[in-house]
Structure formats: structure tokens, C-alpha cells
Amino acid sequence: MAGQPSEASHRKGISRSHRPRRAGSNDTPQQQLSAAFRVSFGTSPHDYICRRRIDQAKHLMITTETPLSEIALDCGFADQSHLSRVFRRLTGHTPAAWRRVMRLA
């Protein structure tokens, strides 16, 4: 076809990073670290960080009267809504409900 590049010239224009690779081969250092982390800790780095942040938030909810919006920021969440989503996903409760129950206990 006139005006269209040949298959060979098209392949030359594809950089190495855009070519398909075999699964498991040439993992990036980030992928290797993530895999090693998962083997060592039994969870992904992201999940581990989320759980640590929730543990810190729980501690602050029990030991202080700090508003949840401030606790969220202190624990590394973007805002109170972010804290609430992650907290509920990991505990099954909202932070406010969990705090009320813990205060009664």
C-alpha cells in the first residue's frame, strides 16, 4: 500500500519498553521489591501501609479528643473521607462508630 510504512519500519519505531515481554521476565526493581515484601510480610506494601495508618488512627481515636478530620491528616490520609473509606474496608465500621463503641468499653 502506498503511503503506509512497511511492517519492518513500523517495528523499528517501537521502543523496547513498548514491546510485549514474557510474564515474570525482566521485572522492574519495584516489582521485585514488592514481591519480596509480600513474601516477608504476607501482604502488599500498600496494604501494610494502610493497616499501619489505621492502627495509628485507632490509637489517636482512643487516646485523644482530636477530630477525625485532623486524625486523618496526621495519619497520612488525604482527608477524612479517605480515612473513612479505608477504615471501613479494613474494619467493617466507620471511624465515628468505632470510636463511640471503644469509648463505651
PDB file of N, CA and C in Angstrom:
ATOM      1  N   MET A   1       0.848  -1.187   0.000  1.00  0.00           N
ATOM      2  CA  MET A   1       0.000   0.000   0.000  1.00  0.00           C
ATOM      3  C   MET A   1       0.881   1.234   0.000  1.00  0.00           C
ATOM      4  N   ALA A   2       0.571   2.112  -0.864  1.00  0.00           N
ATOM      5  CA  ALA A   2       1.368   3.329  -0.981  1.00  0.00           C
ATOM      6  C   ALA A   2       1.078   4.257   0.182  1.00  0.00           C
ATOM      7  N   GLY A   3       2.136   4.892   0.685  1.00  0.00           N
ATOM      8  CA  GLY A   3       1.968   5.882   1.732  1.00  0.00           C
ATOM      9  C   GLY A   3       1.959   5.322   3.142  1.00  0.00           C
ATOM     10  N   GLN A   4       1.949   4.002   3.294  1.00  0.00           N
ATOM     11  CA  GLN A   4       1.961   3.415   4.630  1.00  0.00           C
ATOM     12  C   GLN A   4       3.322   2.778   4.885  1.00  0.00           C
ATOM     13  N   PRO A   5       3.807   2.865   6.120  1.00  0.00           N
ATOM     14  CA  PRO A   5       5.108   2.280   6.423  1.00  0.00           C
ATOM     15  C   PRO A   5       5.050   0.758   6.344  1.00  0.00           C
ATOM     16  N   SER A   6       6.182   0.186   5.977  1.00  0.00           N
ATOM     17  CA  SER A   6       6.257  -1.271   5.926  1.00  0.00           C
ATOM     18  C   SER A   6       6.255  -1.823   7.346  1.00  0.00           C
ATOM     19  N   GLU A   7       5.982  -3.116   7.486  1.00  0.00           N
ATOM     20  CA  GLU A   7       5.978  -3.772   8.800  1.00  0.00           C
ATOM     21  C   GLU A   7       7.333  -3.635   9.472  1.00  0.00           C
ATOM     22  N   ALA A   8       8.415  -3.791   8.703  1.00  0.00           N
ATOM     23  CA  ALA A   8       9.767  -3.696   9.268  1.00  0.00           C
ATOM     24  C   ALA A   8      10.042  -2.294   9.797  1.00  0.00           C
ATOM     25  N   SER A   9       9.659  -1.277   9.055  1.00  0.00           N
ATOM     26  CA  SER A   9       9.912   0.083   9.533  1.00  0.00           C
ATOM     27  C   SER A   9       9.017   0.419  10.710  1.00  0.00           C
ATOM     28  N   HIS A  10       7.830  -0.166  10.751  1.00  0.00           N
ATOM     29  CA  HIS A  10       6.931   0.059  11.883  1.00  0.00           C
ATOM     30  C   HIS A  10       7.532  -0.539  13.156  1.00  0.00           C
ATOM     31  N   ARG A  11       8.091  -1.766  13.063  1.00  0.00           N
ATOM     32  CA  ARG A  11       8.696  -2.410  14.224  1.00  0.00           C
ATOM     33  C   ARG A  11       9.885  -1.625  14.746  1.00  0.00           C
ATOM     34  N   LYS A  12      10.635  -0.996  13.876  1.00  0.00           N
ATOM     35  CA  LYS A  12      11.792  -0.207  14.307  1.00  0.00           C
ATOM     36  C   LYS A  12      11.367   0.955  15.187  1.00  0.00           C
ATOM     37  N   GLY A  13      10.189   1.490  14.958  1.00  0.00           N
ATOM     38  CA  GLY A  13       9.723   2.644  15.708  1.00  0.00           C
ATOM     39  C   GLY A  13       9.189   2.307  17.093  1.00  0.00           C
ATOM     40  N   ILE A  14       9.017   1.038  17.379  1.00  0.00           N
ATOM     41  CA  ILE A  14       8.502   0.644  18.694  1.00  0.00           C
ATOM     42  C   ILE A  14       9.679   0.518  19.646  1.00  0.00           C
ATOM     43  N   SER A  15       9.638   1.297  20.705  1.00  0.00           N
ATOM     44  CA  SER A  15      10.741   1.239  21.661  1.00  0.00           C
ATOM     45  C   SER A  15      10.676  -0.064  22.442  1.00  0.00           C
ATOM     46  N   ARG A  16      11.782  -0.413  23.045  1.00  0.00           N
ATOM     47  CA  ARG A  16      11.878  -1.649  23.821  1.00  0.00           C
ATOM     48  C   ARG A  16      10.830  -1.683  24.928  1.00  0.00           C
ATOM     49  N   SER A  17      10.546  -0.547  25.542  1.00  0.00           N
ATOM     50  CA  SER A  17       9.597  -0.520  26.653  1.00  0.00           C
ATOM     51  C   SER A  17       8.158  -0.771  26.211  1.00  0.00           C
ATOM     52  N   HIS A  18       7.865  -0.609  24.913  1.00  0.00           N
ATOM     53  CA  HIS A  18       6.507  -0.815  24.424  1.00  0.00           C
ATOM     54  C   HIS A  18       6.294  -2.207  23.844  1.00  0.00           C
ATOM     55  N   ARG A  19       7.346  -2.988  23.741  1.00  0.00           N
ATOM     56  CA  ARG A  19       7.209  -4.339  23.221  1.00  0.00           C
ATOM     57  C   ARG A  19       6.687  -5.252  24.331  1.00  0.00           C
ATOM     58  N   PRO A  20       5.866  -6.219  23.953  1.00  0.00           N
ATOM     59  CA  PRO A  20       5.387  -7.151  24.977  1.00  0.00           C
ATOM     60  C   PRO A  20       6.542  -7.953  25.560  1.00  0.00           C
ATOM     61  N   ARG A  21       6.471  -8.279  26.844  1.00  0.00           N
ATOM     62  CA  ARG A  21       7.512  -9.100  27.438  1.00  0.00           C
ATOM     63  C   ARG A  21       6.881 -10.351  28.013  1.00  0.00           C
ATOM     64  N   ARG A  22       7.704 -11.329  28.227  1.00  0.00           N
ATOM     65  CA  ARG A  22       7.224 -12.567  28.814  1.00  0.00           C
ATOM     66  C   ARG A  22       6.909 -12.328  30.283  1.00  0.00           C
ATOM     67  N   ALA A  23       5.870 -12.967  30.761  1.00  0.00           N
ATOM     68  CA  ALA A  23       5.490 -12.824  32.170  1.00  0.00           C
ATOM     69  C   ALA A  23       6.627 -13.290  33.060  1.00  0.00           C
ATOM     70  N   GLY A  24       6.949 -12.495  34.074  1.00  0.00           N
ATOM     71  CA  GLY A  24       7.975 -12.859  35.037  1.00  0.00           C
ATOM     72  C   GLY A  24       9.391 -12.547  34.615  1.00  0.00           C
ATOM     73  N   SER A  25       9.580 -12.162  33.373  1.00  0.00           N
ATOM     74  CA  SER A  25      10.942 -11.865  32.943  1.00  0.00           C
ATOM     75  C   SER A  25      11.218 -10.374  33.055  1.00  0.00           C
ATOM     76  N   ASN A  26      12.406 -10.042  33.430  1.00  0.00           N
ATOM     77  CA  ASN A  26      12.839  -8.648  33.499  1.00  0.00           C
ATOM     78  C   ASN A  26      11.945  -7.778  34.375  1.00  0.00           C
ATOM     79  N   ASP A  27      11.559  -8.290  35.527  1.00  0.00           N
ATOM     80  CA  ASP A  27      10.761  -7.484  36.450  1.00  0.00           C
ATOM     81  C   ASP A  27      11.548  -6.247  36.847  1.00  0.00           C
ATOM     82  N   THR A  28      10.841  -5.156  37.027  1.00  0.00           N
ATOM     83  CA  THR A  28      11.490  -3.925  37.470  1.00  0.00           C
ATOM     84  C   THR A  28      11.906  -4.080  38.919  1.00  0.00           C
ATOM     85  N   PRO A  29      12.839  -3.274  39.378  1.00  0.00           N
ATOM     86  CA  PRO A  29      13.216  -3.333  40.799  1.00  0.00           C
ATOM     87  C   PRO A  29      12.014  -3.128  41.720  1.00  0.00           C
ATOM     88  N   GLN A  30      11.084  -2.290  41.317  1.00  0.00           N
ATOM     89  CA  GLN A  30       9.887  -2.055  42.141  1.00  0.00           C
ATOM     90  C   GLN A  30       9.063  -3.342  42.250  1.00  0.00           C
ATOM     91  N   GLN A  31       8.914  -4.052  41.151  1.00  0.00           N
ATOM     92  CA  GLN A  31       8.162  -5.312  41.176  1.00  0.00           C
ATOM     93  C   GLN A  31       8.884  -6.358  42.013  1.00  0.00           C
ATOM     94  N   GLN A  32      10.194  -6.394  41.907  1.00  0.00           N
ATOM     95  CA  GLN A  32      10.976  -7.344  42.695  1.00  0.00           C
ATOM     96  C   GLN A  32      10.850  -7.034  44.191  1.00  0.00           C
ATOM     97  N   LEU A  33      10.937  -5.762  44.533  1.00  0.00           N
ATOM     98  CA  LEU A  33      10.807  -5.361  45.933  1.00  0.00           C
ATOM     99  C   LEU A  33       9.416  -5.694  46.463  1.00  0.00           C
ATOM    100  N   SER A  34       8.399  -5.425  45.662  1.00  0.00           N
ATOM    101  CA  SER A  34       7.032  -5.707  46.072  1.00  0.00           C
ATOM    102  C   SER A  34       6.836  -7.205  46.306  1.00  0.00           C
ATOM    103  N   ALA A  35       7.381  -8.020  45.431  1.00  0.00           N
ATOM    104  CA  ALA A  35       7.258  -9.474  45.578  1.00  0.00           C
ATOM    105  C   ALA A  35       7.988  -9.949  46.834  1.00  0.00           C
ATOM    106  N   ALA A  36       9.189  -9.422  47.076  1.00  0.00           N
ATOM    107  CA  ALA A  36       9.951  -9.805  48.267  1.00  0.00           C
ATOM    108  C   ALA A  36       9.229  -9.346  49.537  1.00  0.00           C
ATOM    109  N   PHE A  37       8.641  -8.167  49.497  1.00  0.00           N
ATOM    110  CA  PHE A  37       7.882  -7.646  50.638  1.00  0.00           C
ATOM    111  C   PHE A  37       6.709  -8.570  50.945  1.00  0.00           C
ATOM    112  N   ARG A  38       5.989  -8.959  49.895  1.00  0.00           N
ATOM    113  CA  ARG A  38       4.818  -9.830  50.064  1.00  0.00           C
ATOM    114  C   ARG A  38       5.229 -11.171  50.684  1.00  0.00           C
ATOM    115  N   VAL A  39       6.367 -11.714  50.260  1.00  0.00           N
ATOM    116  CA  VAL A  39       6.848 -12.974  50.831  1.00  0.00           C
ATOM    117  C   VAL A  39       7.191 -12.790  52.307  1.00  0.00           C
ATOM    118  N   SER A  40       7.855 -11.694  52.638  1.00  0.00           N
ATOM    119  CA  SER A  40       8.297 -11.457  54.014  1.00  0.00           C
ATOM    120  C   SER A  40       7.154 -11.108  54.968  1.00  0.00           C
ATOM    121  N   PHE A  41       6.208 -10.279  54.499  1.00  0.00           N
ATOM    122  CA  PHE A  41       5.168  -9.760  55.382  1.00  0.00           C
ATOM    123  C   PHE A  41       3.776 -10.334  55.120  1.00  0.00           C
ATOM    124  N   GLY A  42       3.617 -11.091  54.061  1.00  0.00           N
ATOM    125  CA  GLY A  42       2.329 -11.710  53.770  1.00  0.00           C
ATOM    126  C   GLY A  42       1.278 -10.766  53.237  1.00  0.00           C
ATOM    127  N   THR A  43       1.683  -9.590  52.813  1.00  0.00           N
ATOM    128  CA  THR A  43       0.752  -8.599  52.276  1.00  0.00           C
ATOM    129  C   THR A  43       1.511  -7.650  51.360  1.00  0.00           C
ATOM    130  N   SER A  44       0.772  -6.869  50.603  1.00  0.00           N
ATOM    131  CA  SER A  44       1.423  -5.904  49.707  1.00  0.00           C
ATOM    132  C   SER A  44       1.925  -4.706  50.506  1.00  0.00           C
ATOM    133  N   PRO A  45       2.899  -3.982  49.971  1.00  0.00           N
ATOM    134  CA  PRO A  45       3.367  -2.776  50.664  1.00  0.00           C
ATOM    135  C   PRO A  45       2.230  -1.773  50.906  1.00  0.00           C
ATOM    136  N   HIS A  46       1.361  -1.594  49.926  1.00  0.00           N
ATOM    137  CA  HIS A  46       0.256  -0.647  50.071  1.00  0.00           C
ATOM    138  C   HIS A  46      -0.679  -1.053  51.201  1.00  0.00           C
ATOM    139  N   ASP A  47      -1.051  -2.319  51.241  1.00  0.00           N
ATOM    140  CA  ASP A  47      -1.943  -2.790  52.302  1.00  0.00           C
ATOM    141  C   ASP A  47      -1.275  -2.652  53.670  1.00  0.00           C
ATOM    142  N   TYR A  48       0.004  -2.950  53.748  1.00  0.00           N
ATOM    143  CA  TYR A  48       0.742  -2.827  55.011  1.00  0.00           C
ATOM    144  C   TYR A  48       0.705  -1.380  55.514  1.00  0.00           C
ATOM    145  N   ILE A  49       0.958  -0.443  54.618  1.00  0.00           N
ATOM    146  CA  ILE A  49       0.948   0.980  54.987  1.00  0.00           C
ATOM    147  C   ILE A  49      -0.452   1.400  55.436  1.00  0.00           C
ATOM    148  N   CYS A  50      -1.471   0.976  54.697  1.00  0.00           N
ATOM    149  CA  CYS A  50      -2.850   1.319  55.085  1.00  0.00           C
ATOM    150  C   CYS A  50      -3.173   0.795  56.477  1.00  0.00           C
ATOM    151  N   ARG A  51      -2.789  -0.436  56.755  1.00  0.00           N
ATOM    152  CA  ARG A  51      -3.071  -1.018  58.071  1.00  0.00           C
ATOM    153  C   ARG A  51      -2.317  -0.296  59.182  1.00  0.00           C
ATOM    154  N   ARG A  52      -1.084   0.087  58.923  1.00  0.00           N
ATOM    155  CA  ARG A  52      -0.323   0.844  59.930  1.00  0.00           C
ATOM    156  C   ARG A  52      -0.972   2.199  60.186  1.00  0.00           C
ATOM    157  N   ARG A  53      -1.436   2.861  59.130  1.00  0.00           N
ATOM    158  CA  ARG A  53      -2.106   4.152  59.291  1.00  0.00           C
ATOM    159  C   ARG A  53      -3.401   4.001  60.085  1.00  0.00           C
ATOM    160  N   ILE A  54      -4.145   2.931  59.822  1.00  0.00           N
ATOM    161  CA  ILE A  54      -5.388   2.693  60.566  1.00  0.00           C
ATOM    162  C   ILE A  54      -5.079   2.394  62.024  1.00  0.00           C
ATOM    163  N   ASP A  55      -4.026   1.635  62.287  1.00  0.00           N
ATOM    164  CA  ASP A  55      -3.630   1.381  63.682  1.00  0.00           C
ATOM    165  C   ASP A  55      -3.308   2.689  64.403  1.00  0.00           C
ATOM    166  N   GLN A  56      -2.594   3.573  63.718  1.00  0.00           N
ATOM    167  CA  GLN A  56      -2.256   4.870  64.310  1.00  0.00           C
ATOM    168  C   GLN A  56      -3.531   5.683  64.546  1.00  0.00           C
ATOM    169  N   ALA A  57      -4.449   5.665  63.597  1.00  0.00           N
ATOM    170  CA  ALA A  57      -5.710   6.400  63.756  1.00  0.00           C
ATOM    171  C   ALA A  57      -6.512   5.851  64.934  1.00  0.00           C
ATOM    172  N   LYS A  58      -6.560   4.535  65.076  1.00  0.00           N
ATOM    173  CA  LYS A  58      -7.266   3.931  66.207  1.00  0.00           C
ATOM    174  C   LYS A  58      -6.671   4.401  67.533  1.00  0.00           C
ATOM    175  N   HIS A  59      -5.363   4.396  67.594  1.00  0.00           N
ATOM    176  CA  HIS A  59      -4.695   4.845  68.822  1.00  0.00           C
ATOM    177  C   HIS A  59      -5.082   6.291  69.155  1.00  0.00           C
ATOM    178  N   LEU A  60      -5.055   7.148  68.149  1.00  0.00           N
ATOM    179  CA  LEU A  60      -5.403   8.557  68.371  1.00  0.00           C
ATOM    180  C   LEU A  60      -6.880   8.715  68.734  1.00  0.00           C
ATOM    181  N   MET A  61      -7.750   7.901  68.146  1.00  0.00           N
ATOM    182  CA  MET A  61      -9.184   7.991  68.462  1.00  0.00           C
ATOM    183  C   MET A  61      -9.460   7.583  69.900  1.00  0.00           C
ATOM    184  N   ILE A  62      -8.701   6.633  70.409  1.00  0.00           N
ATOM    185  CA  ILE A  62      -8.898   6.163  71.782  1.00  0.00           C
ATOM    186  C   ILE A  62      -8.284   7.118  72.805  1.00  0.00           C
ATOM    187  N   THR A  63      -7.120   7.655  72.483  1.00  0.00           N
ATOM    188  CA  THR A  63      -6.352   8.402  73.486  1.00  0.00           C
ATOM    189  C   THR A  63      -6.510   9.909  73.422  1.00  0.00           C
ATOM    190  N   THR A  64      -7.178  10.427  72.390  1.00  0.00           N
ATOM    191  CA  THR A  64      -7.333  11.877  72.280  1.00  0.00           C
ATOM    192  C   THR A  64      -8.770  12.236  71.906  1.00  0.00           C
ATOM    193  N   GLU A  65      -9.058  13.499  72.001  1.00  0.00           N
ATOM    194  CA  GLU A  65     -10.347  14.039  71.566  1.00  0.00           C
ATOM    195  C   GLU A  65     -10.201  14.725  70.200  1.00  0.00           C
ATOM    196  N   THR A  66      -9.108  14.497  69.528  1.00  0.00           N
ATOM    197  CA  THR A  66      -8.822  15.131  68.237  1.00  0.00           C
ATOM    198  C   THR A  66      -9.916  14.780  67.230  1.00  0.00           C
ATOM    199  N   PRO A  67     -10.392  15.771  66.488  1.00  0.00           N
ATOM    200  CA  PRO A  67     -11.420  15.497  65.470  1.00  0.00           C
ATOM    201  C   PRO A  67     -10.891  14.520  64.405  1.00  0.00           C
ATOM    202  N   LEU A  68     -11.790  13.723  63.849  1.00  0.00           N
ATOM    203  CA  LEU A  68     -11.405  12.741  62.841  1.00  0.00           C
ATOM    204  C   LEU A  68     -10.730  13.386  61.633  1.00  0.00           C
ATOM    205  N   SER A  69     -11.136  14.593  61.293  1.00  0.00           N
ATOM    206  CA  SER A  69     -10.514  15.263  60.145  1.00  0.00           C
ATOM    207  C   SER A  69      -9.024  15.507  60.386  1.00  0.00           C
ATOM    208  N   GLU A  70      -8.670  15.866  61.620  1.00  0.00           N
ATOM    209  CA  GLU A  70      -7.254  16.077  61.951  1.00  0.00           C
ATOM    210  C   GLU A  70      -6.509  14.752  62.066  1.00  0.00           C
ATOM    211  N   ILE A  71      -7.162  13.757  62.637  1.00  0.00           N
ATOM    212  CA  ILE A  71      -6.541  12.437  62.739  1.00  0.00           C
ATOM    213  C   ILE A  71      -6.223  11.907  61.350  1.00  0.00           C
ATOM    214  N   ALA A  72      -7.149  12.096  60.427  1.00  0.00           N
ATOM    215  CA  ALA A  72      -6.928  11.631  59.057  1.00  0.00           C
ATOM    216  C   ALA A  72      -5.649  12.226  58.485  1.00  0.00           C
ATOM    217  N   LEU A  73      -5.498  13.524  58.612  1.00  0.00           N
ATOM    218  CA  LEU A  73      -4.307  14.190  58.074  1.00  0.00           C
ATOM    219  C   LEU A  73      -3.049  13.761  58.823  1.00  0.00           C
ATOM    220  N   ASP A  74      -3.145  13.647  60.144  1.00  0.00           N
ATOM    221  CA  ASP A  74      -1.992  13.231  60.954  1.00  0.00           C
ATOM    222  C   ASP A  74      -1.509  11.829  60.589  1.00  0.00           C
ATOM    223  N   CYS A  75      -2.421  10.989  60.123  1.00  0.00           N
ATOM    224  CA  CYS A  75      -2.074   9.602  59.806  1.00  0.00           C
ATOM    225  C   CYS A  75      -1.722   9.387  58.336  1.00  0.00           C
ATOM    226  N   GLY A  76      -1.712  10.459  57.565  1.00  0.00           N
ATOM    227  CA  GLY A  76      -1.280  10.343  56.173  1.00  0.00           C
ATOM    228  C   GLY A  76      -2.380  10.147  55.158  1.00  0.00           C
ATOM    229  N   PHE A  77      -3.630  10.318  55.566  1.00  0.00           N
ATOM    230  CA  PHE A  77      -4.737  10.224  54.621  1.00  0.00           C
ATOM    231  C   PHE A  77      -4.981  11.589  53.996  1.00  0.00           C
ATOM    232  N   ALA A  78      -5.545  11.596  52.807  1.00  0.00           N
ATOM    233  CA  ALA A  78      -5.776  12.848  52.085  1.00  0.00           C
ATOM    234  C   ALA A  78      -6.806  13.716  52.801  1.00  0.00           C
ATOM    235  N   ASP A  79      -7.806  13.083  53.385  1.00  0.00           N
ATOM    236  CA  ASP A  79      -8.857  13.803  54.097  1.00  0.00           C
ATOM    237  C   ASP A  79      -9.666  12.799  54.927  1.00  0.00           C
ATOM    238  N   GLN A  80     -10.676  13.283  55.618  1.00  0.00           N
ATOM    239  CA  GLN A  80     -11.476  12.415  56.486  1.00  0.00           C
ATOM    240  C   GLN A  80     -12.213  11.350  55.679  1.00  0.00           C
ATOM    241  N   SER A  81     -12.650  11.704  54.498  1.00  0.00           N
ATOM    242  CA  SER A  81     -13.350  10.740  53.652  1.00  0.00           C
ATOM    243  C   SER A  81     -12.436   9.572  53.281  1.00  0.00           C
ATOM    244  N   HIS A  82     -11.198   9.874  52.975  1.00  0.00           N
ATOM    245  CA  HIS A  82     -10.222   8.830  52.643  1.00  0.00           C
ATOM    246  C   HIS A  82     -10.011   7.915  53.846  1.00  0.00           C
ATOM    247  N   LEU A  83      -9.835   8.497  55.031  1.00  0.00           N
ATOM    248  CA  LEU A  83      -9.714   7.707  56.257  1.00  0.00           C
ATOM    249  C   LEU A  83     -10.933   6.816  56.419  1.00  0.00           C
ATOM    250  N   SER A  84     -12.112   7.359  56.250  1.00  0.00           N
ATOM    251  CA  SER A  84     -13.346   6.596  56.451  1.00  0.00           C
ATOM    252  C   SER A  84     -13.462   5.423  55.490  1.00  0.00           C
ATOM    253  N   ARG A  85     -13.121   5.634  54.224  1.00  0.00           N
ATOM    254  CA  ARG A  85     -13.193   4.545  53.240  1.00  0.00           C
ATOM    255  C   ARG A  85     -12.250   3.410  53.598  1.00  0.00           C
ATOM    256  N   VAL A  86     -11.011   3.751  53.912  1.00  0.00           N
ATOM    257  CA  VAL A  86     -10.019   2.717  54.230  1.00  0.00           C
ATOM    258  C   VAL A  86     -10.371   2.044  55.554  1.00  0.00           C
ATOM    259  N   PHE A  87     -10.766   2.830  56.546  1.00  0.00           N
ATOM    260  CA  PHE A  87     -11.127   2.290  57.861  1.00  0.00           C
ATOM    261  C   PHE A  87     -12.270   1.285  57.722  1.00  0.00           C
ATOM    262  N   ARG A  88     -13.288   1.661  56.979  1.00  0.00           N
ATOM    263  CA  ARG A  88     -14.446   0.774  56.814  1.00  0.00           C
ATOM    264  C   ARG A  88     -14.066  -0.490  56.042  1.00  0.00           C
ATOM    265  N   ARG A  89     -13.223  -0.340  55.037  1.00  0.00           N
ATOM    266  CA  ARG A  89     -12.785  -1.503  54.255  1.00  0.00           C
ATOM    267  C   ARG A  89     -12.030  -2.498  55.135  1.00  0.00           C
ATOM    268  N   LEU A  90     -11.205  -1.984  56.044  1.00  0.00           N
ATOM    269  CA  LEU A  90     -10.364  -2.866  56.865  1.00  0.00           C
ATOM    270  C   LEU A  90     -11.041  -3.360  58.141  1.00  0.00           C
ATOM    271  N   THR A  91     -11.969  -2.578  58.686  1.00  0.00           N
ATOM    272  CA  THR A  91     -12.577  -2.956  59.974  1.00  0.00           C
ATOM    273  C   THR A  91     -14.061  -3.312  59.880  1.00  0.00           C
ATOM    274  N   GLY A  92     -14.712  -2.857  58.833  1.00  0.00           N
ATOM    275  CA  GLY A  92     -16.155  -3.078  58.712  1.00  0.00           C
ATOM    276  C   GLY A  92     -16.985  -2.030  59.428  1.00  0.00           C
ATOM    277  N   HIS A  93     -16.323  -1.028  60.030  1.00  0.00           N
ATOM    278  CA  HIS A  93     -17.018   0.031  60.774  1.00  0.00           C
ATOM    279  C   HIS A  93     -16.514   1.388  60.309  1.00  0.00           C
ATOM    280  N   THR A  94     -17.324   2.405  60.519  1.00  0.00           N
ATOM    281  CA  THR A  94     -16.846   3.760  60.258  1.00  0.00           C
ATOM    282  C   THR A  94     -15.994   4.194  61.443  1.00  0.00           C
ATOM    283  N   PRO A  95     -15.097   5.142  61.249  1.00  0.00           N
ATOM    284  CA  PRO A  95     -14.286   5.607  62.377  1.00  0.00           C
ATOM    285  C   PRO A  95     -15.130   6.160  63.522  1.00  0.00           C
ATOM    286  N   ALA A  96     -16.167   6.920  63.197  1.00  0.00           N
ATOM    287  CA  ALA A  96     -17.004   7.520  64.247  1.00  0.00           C
ATOM    288  C   ALA A  96     -17.714   6.440  65.067  1.00  0.00           C
ATOM    289  N   ALA A  97     -18.270   5.433  64.403  1.00  0.00           N
ATOM    290  CA  ALA A  97     -18.961   4.357  65.123  1.00  0.00           C
ATOM    291  C   ALA A  97     -17.973   3.568  65.967  1.00  0.00           C
ATOM    292  N   TRP A  98     -16.793   3.275  65.412  1.00  0.00           N
ATOM    293  CA  TRP A  98     -15.768   2.535  66.152  1.00  0.00           C
ATOM    294  C   TRP A  98     -15.343   3.318  67.391  1.00  0.00           C
ATOM    295  N   ARG A  99     -15.174   4.619  67.235  1.00  0.00           N
ATOM    296  CA  ARG A  99     -14.749   5.463  68.362  1.00  0.00           C
ATOM    297  C   ARG A  99     -15.803   5.459  69.471  1.00  0.00           C
ATOM    298  N   ARG A 100     -17.081   5.553  69.086  1.00  0.00           N
ATOM    299  CA  ARG A 100     -18.173   5.528  70.079  1.00  0.00           C
ATOM    300  C   ARG A 100     -18.171   4.222  70.866  1.00  0.00           C
ATOM    301  N   VAL A 101     -18.049   3.114  70.167  1.00  0.00           N
ATOM    302  CA  VAL A 101     -18.052   1.797  70.817  1.00  0.00           C
ATOM    303  C   VAL A 101     -16.851   1.673  71.751  1.00  0.00           C
ATOM    304  N   MET A 102     -15.698   2.120  71.320  1.00  0.00           N
ATOM    305  CA  MET A 102     -14.488   1.998  72.134  1.00  0.00           C
ATOM    306  C   MET A 102     -14.570   2.889  73.375  1.00  0.00           C
ATOM    307  N   ARG A 103     -15.231   4.016  73.275  1.00  0.00           N
ATOM    308  CA  ARG A 103     -15.381   4.901  74.438  1.00  0.00           C
ATOM    309  C   ARG A 103     -16.304   4.281  75.488  1.00  0.00           C
ATOM    310  N   LEU A 104     -17.273   3.492  75.043  1.00  0.00           N
ATOM    311  CA  LEU A 104     -18.212   2.837  75.954  1.00  0.00           C
ATOM    312  C   LEU A 104     -17.605   1.623  76.626  1.00  0.00           C
ATOM    313  N   ALA A 105     -16.608   1.060  75.988  1.00  0.00           N
ATOM    314  CA  ALA A 105     -15.992  -0.185  76.518  1.00  0.00           C
ATOM    315  C   ALA A 105     -15.117   0.070  77.721  1.00  0.00           C
TER     316      ALA A 105
END
